[in-house]
Amino acid sequence: MKRKNQTSGFAICIDNSEYPASLELHKIYRVLADEDAEQDGDIRVIDESGEDYLYPADYFMMVELPREVQRVLLQAS
């Protein structure tokens, strides 16, 4: 059984300086687990294109959201 990665969940974009077309500052993004990316200092995020891409982890701040909020955000995606 694969262990769930700590970075699965949601994060707020705190820096979009190099990716203004792909990331909106202060927006909540869904984060997908990617252990290889984490080891390289990156994070896998579903961005404005609706696809998942790697970005520098320091462009985001992980957030813990109430279950109901998570459910609503997951249904919207």
N, C-alpha and C. Protein backbone atom coordinates (compact mmCIF):
# COMPACT_ATOMS: atom_id res chain seq x y z
N MET A 1 0.85 -1.20 0.00
CA MET A 1 0.00 0.00 0.00
C MET A 1 0.88 1.24 0.00
N LYS A 2 0.58 2.17 -0.87
CA LYS A 2 1.36 3.39 -0.98
C LYS A 2 0.94 4.39 0.10
N ARG A 3 1.92 4.97 0.77
CA ARG A 3 1.63 5.94 1.81
C ARG A 3 1.18 7.25 1.19
N LYS A 4 0.17 7.88 1.76
CA LYS A 4 -0.30 9.16 1.26
C LYS A 4 0.74 10.23 1.53
N ASN A 5 1.03 11.01 0.53
CA ASN A 5 2.04 12.04 0.62
C ASN A 5 1.50 13.24 1.40
N GLN A 6 2.35 13.85 2.18
CA GLN A 6 1.95 14.98 3.00
C GLN A 6 1.48 16.17 2.20
N THR A 7 1.99 16.36 1.00
CA THR A 7 1.64 17.57 0.26
C THR A 7 0.38 17.43 -0.59
N SER A 8 -0.32 16.31 -0.50
CA SER A 8 -1.60 16.21 -1.20
C SER A 8 -2.57 17.15 -0.51
N GLY A 9 -3.35 17.86 -1.27
CA GLY A 9 -4.31 18.76 -0.66
C GLY A 9 -4.42 20.06 -1.41
N PHE A 10 -4.28 21.16 -0.67
CA PHE A 10 -4.48 22.48 -1.26
C PHE A 10 -3.39 23.44 -0.81
N ALA A 11 -3.09 24.40 -1.68
CA ALA A 11 -2.08 25.40 -1.37
C ALA A 11 -2.50 26.74 -1.97
N ILE A 12 -2.05 27.80 -1.34
CA ILE A 12 -2.30 29.15 -1.82
C ILE A 12 -1.05 29.64 -2.56
N CYS A 13 -1.25 30.20 -3.72
CA CYS A 13 -0.14 30.77 -4.49
C CYS A 13 0.30 32.07 -3.83
N ILE A 14 1.58 32.14 -3.44
CA ILE A 14 2.10 33.35 -2.80
C ILE A 14 3.13 34.06 -3.69
N ASP A 15 3.43 33.49 -4.85
CA ASP A 15 4.36 34.10 -5.79
C ASP A 15 4.06 33.55 -7.18
N ASN A 16 3.70 34.42 -8.10
CA ASN A 16 3.46 33.99 -9.48
C ASN A 16 4.33 34.76 -10.46
N SER A 17 5.42 35.35 -9.95
CA SER A 17 6.24 36.26 -10.74
C SER A 17 6.76 35.67 -12.04
N GLU A 18 7.07 34.39 -12.07
CA GLU A 18 7.58 33.78 -13.30
C GLU A 18 6.49 33.09 -14.12
N TYR A 19 5.28 32.98 -13.56
CA TYR A 19 4.20 32.26 -14.24
C TYR A 19 2.87 33.01 -14.15
N PRO A 20 2.82 34.30 -14.52
CA PRO A 20 1.58 35.07 -14.34
C PRO A 20 0.40 34.56 -15.15
N ALA A 21 0.64 33.88 -16.26
CA ALA A 21 -0.46 33.35 -17.07
C ALA A 21 -0.98 32.02 -16.54
N SER A 22 -0.16 31.33 -15.75
CA SER A 22 -0.52 30.00 -15.26
C SER A 22 -1.01 29.98 -13.83
N LEU A 23 -0.60 30.97 -13.04
CA LEU A 23 -0.94 31.01 -11.62
C LEU A 23 -1.49 32.37 -11.24
N GLU A 24 -2.54 32.36 -10.43
CA GLU A 24 -3.10 33.61 -9.90
C GLU A 24 -2.64 33.77 -8.46
N LEU A 25 -2.10 34.93 -8.16
CA LEU A 25 -1.64 35.23 -6.82
C LEU A 25 -2.80 35.15 -5.83
N HIS A 26 -2.58 34.51 -4.71
CA HIS A 26 -3.53 34.35 -3.60
C HIS A 26 -4.68 33.39 -3.88
N LYS A 27 -4.62 32.66 -4.96
CA LYS A 27 -5.66 31.68 -5.29
C LYS A 27 -5.30 30.33 -4.67
N ILE A 28 -6.33 29.56 -4.30
CA ILE A 28 -6.14 28.21 -3.77
C ILE A 28 -6.07 27.24 -4.93
N TYR A 29 -5.03 26.40 -4.92
CA TYR A 29 -4.84 25.39 -5.96
C TYR A 29 -4.81 24.00 -5.36
N ARG A 30 -5.28 23.05 -6.15
CA ARG A 30 -5.20 21.64 -5.74
C ARG A 30 -3.78 21.14 -5.98
N VAL A 31 -3.25 20.43 -5.00
CA VAL A 31 -1.90 19.88 -5.07
C VAL A 31 -2.01 18.37 -5.17
N LEU A 32 -1.23 17.80 -6.09
CA LEU A 32 -1.18 16.35 -6.25
C LEU A 32 0.13 15.82 -5.69
N ALA A 33 0.08 14.69 -5.05
CA ALA A 33 1.28 14.08 -4.47
C ALA A 33 2.28 13.73 -5.57
N ASP A 34 3.54 14.07 -5.34
CA ASP A 34 4.61 13.74 -6.27
C ASP A 34 5.92 13.76 -5.49
N GLU A 35 6.32 12.59 -5.01
CA GLU A 35 7.50 12.50 -4.16
C GLU A 35 8.77 12.92 -4.89
N ASP A 36 8.90 12.59 -6.17
CA ASP A 36 10.08 12.98 -6.93
C ASP A 36 10.18 14.50 -7.03
N ALA A 37 9.04 15.14 -7.28
CA ALA A 37 9.03 16.60 -7.38
C ALA A 37 9.42 17.23 -6.04
N GLU A 38 8.90 16.69 -4.95
CA GLU A 38 9.22 17.21 -3.62
C GLU A 38 10.71 17.16 -3.35
N GLN A 39 11.33 16.07 -3.73
CA GLN A 39 12.77 15.91 -3.51
C GLN A 39 13.57 16.97 -4.27
N ASP A 40 13.01 17.47 -5.36
CA ASP A 40 13.67 18.51 -6.15
C ASP A 40 13.23 19.91 -5.76
N GLY A 41 12.39 20.02 -4.72
CA GLY A 41 11.93 21.33 -4.26
C GLY A 41 10.76 21.88 -5.05
N ASP A 42 10.05 20.98 -5.73
CA ASP A 42 8.90 21.39 -6.54
C ASP A 42 7.60 20.86 -5.95
N ILE A 43 6.50 21.32 -6.53
CA ILE A 43 5.17 20.89 -6.11
C ILE A 43 4.34 20.72 -7.38
N ARG A 44 3.49 19.70 -7.41
CA ARG A 44 2.63 19.44 -8.58
C ARG A 44 1.27 20.04 -8.31
N VAL A 45 0.90 21.02 -9.15
CA VAL A 45 -0.31 21.81 -8.94
C VAL A 45 -1.18 21.76 -10.19
N ILE A 46 -2.49 21.71 -10.00
CA ILE A 46 -3.42 21.87 -11.12
C ILE A 46 -3.59 23.37 -11.31
N ASP A 47 -3.04 23.88 -12.41
CA ASP A 47 -3.00 25.33 -12.61
C ASP A 47 -4.19 25.84 -13.43
N GLU A 48 -4.07 27.06 -13.93
CA GLU A 48 -5.17 27.69 -14.67
C GLU A 48 -5.53 26.96 -15.96
N SER A 49 -4.64 26.15 -16.48
CA SER A 49 -4.93 25.39 -17.70
C SER A 49 -5.83 24.19 -17.41
N GLY A 50 -5.95 23.84 -16.12
CA GLY A 50 -6.72 22.67 -15.74
C GLY A 50 -5.89 21.40 -15.73
N GLU A 51 -4.61 21.53 -16.08
CA GLU A 51 -3.68 20.40 -16.09
C GLU A 51 -2.72 20.54 -14.92
N ASP A 52 -2.06 19.43 -14.57
CA ASP A 52 -1.10 19.49 -13.47
C ASP A 52 0.31 19.71 -14.02
N TYR A 53 1.01 20.64 -13.37
CA TYR A 53 2.38 20.99 -13.74
C TYR A 53 3.21 21.18 -12.48
N LEU A 54 4.52 21.12 -12.66
CA LEU A 54 5.43 21.34 -11.54
C LEU A 54 5.79 22.82 -11.44
N TYR A 55 5.81 23.30 -10.20
CA TYR A 55 6.21 24.67 -9.89
C TYR A 55 7.11 24.63 -8.66
N PRO A 56 7.90 25.68 -8.46
CA PRO A 56 8.72 25.73 -7.24
C PRO A 56 7.81 25.71 -6.00
N ALA A 57 8.14 24.86 -5.05
CA ALA A 57 7.31 24.72 -3.85
C ALA A 57 7.22 26.02 -3.07
N ASP A 58 8.26 26.85 -3.14
CA ASP A 58 8.22 28.09 -2.37
C ASP A 58 7.31 29.15 -2.99
N TYR A 59 6.66 28.84 -4.11
CA TYR A 59 5.64 29.72 -4.69
C TYR A 59 4.27 29.49 -4.03
N PHE A 60 4.21 28.51 -3.13
CA PHE A 60 2.94 28.12 -2.52
C PHE A 60 3.07 27.96 -1.01
N MET A 61 1.94 28.11 -0.34
CA MET A 61 1.85 27.82 1.08
C MET A 61 0.72 26.80 1.25
N MET A 62 1.08 25.64 1.78
CA MET A 62 0.07 24.61 2.00
C MET A 62 -0.93 25.09 3.04
N VAL A 63 -2.20 24.75 2.84
CA VAL A 63 -3.26 25.13 3.77
C VAL A 63 -4.10 23.91 4.11
N GLU A 64 -4.58 23.88 5.33
CA GLU A 64 -5.49 22.84 5.76
C GLU A 64 -6.90 23.43 5.78
N LEU A 65 -7.77 22.85 4.99
CA LEU A 65 -9.13 23.36 4.85
C LEU A 65 -10.12 22.40 5.51
N PRO A 66 -11.24 22.92 5.99
CA PRO A 66 -12.29 22.05 6.53
C PRO A 66 -12.77 21.07 5.46
N ARG A 67 -13.19 19.89 5.88
CA ARG A 67 -13.64 18.85 4.95
C ARG A 67 -14.70 19.34 3.98
N GLU A 68 -15.64 20.12 4.46
CA GLU A 68 -16.72 20.60 3.59
C GLU A 68 -16.16 21.50 2.49
N VAL A 69 -15.20 22.36 2.82
CA VAL A 69 -14.57 23.22 1.83
C VAL A 69 -13.81 22.37 0.82
N GLN A 70 -13.07 21.37 1.29
CA GLN A 70 -12.34 20.49 0.39
C GLN A 70 -13.31 19.79 -0.57
N ARG A 71 -14.42 19.30 -0.04
CA ARG A 71 -15.40 18.61 -0.86
C ARG A 71 -15.92 19.52 -1.97
N VAL A 72 -16.26 20.75 -1.61
CA VAL A 72 -16.78 21.71 -2.60
C VAL A 72 -15.73 22.02 -3.66
N LEU A 73 -14.47 22.23 -3.24
CA LEU A 73 -13.41 22.52 -4.20
C LEU A 73 -13.14 21.35 -5.12
N LEU A 74 -13.17 20.13 -4.60
CA LEU A 74 -12.93 18.95 -5.43
C LEU A 74 -14.08 18.73 -6.42
N GLN A 75 -15.30 19.04 -6.03
CA GLN A 75 -16.44 18.90 -6.94
C GLN A 75 -16.35 19.91 -8.07
N ALA A 76 -15.80 21.08 -7.79
CA ALA A 76 -15.72 22.14 -8.78
C ALA A 76 -14.65 21.85 -9.84
N SER A 77 -13.70 20.97 -9.50
CA SER A 77 -12.61 20.73 -10.46
C SER A 77 -12.92 19.59 -11.40
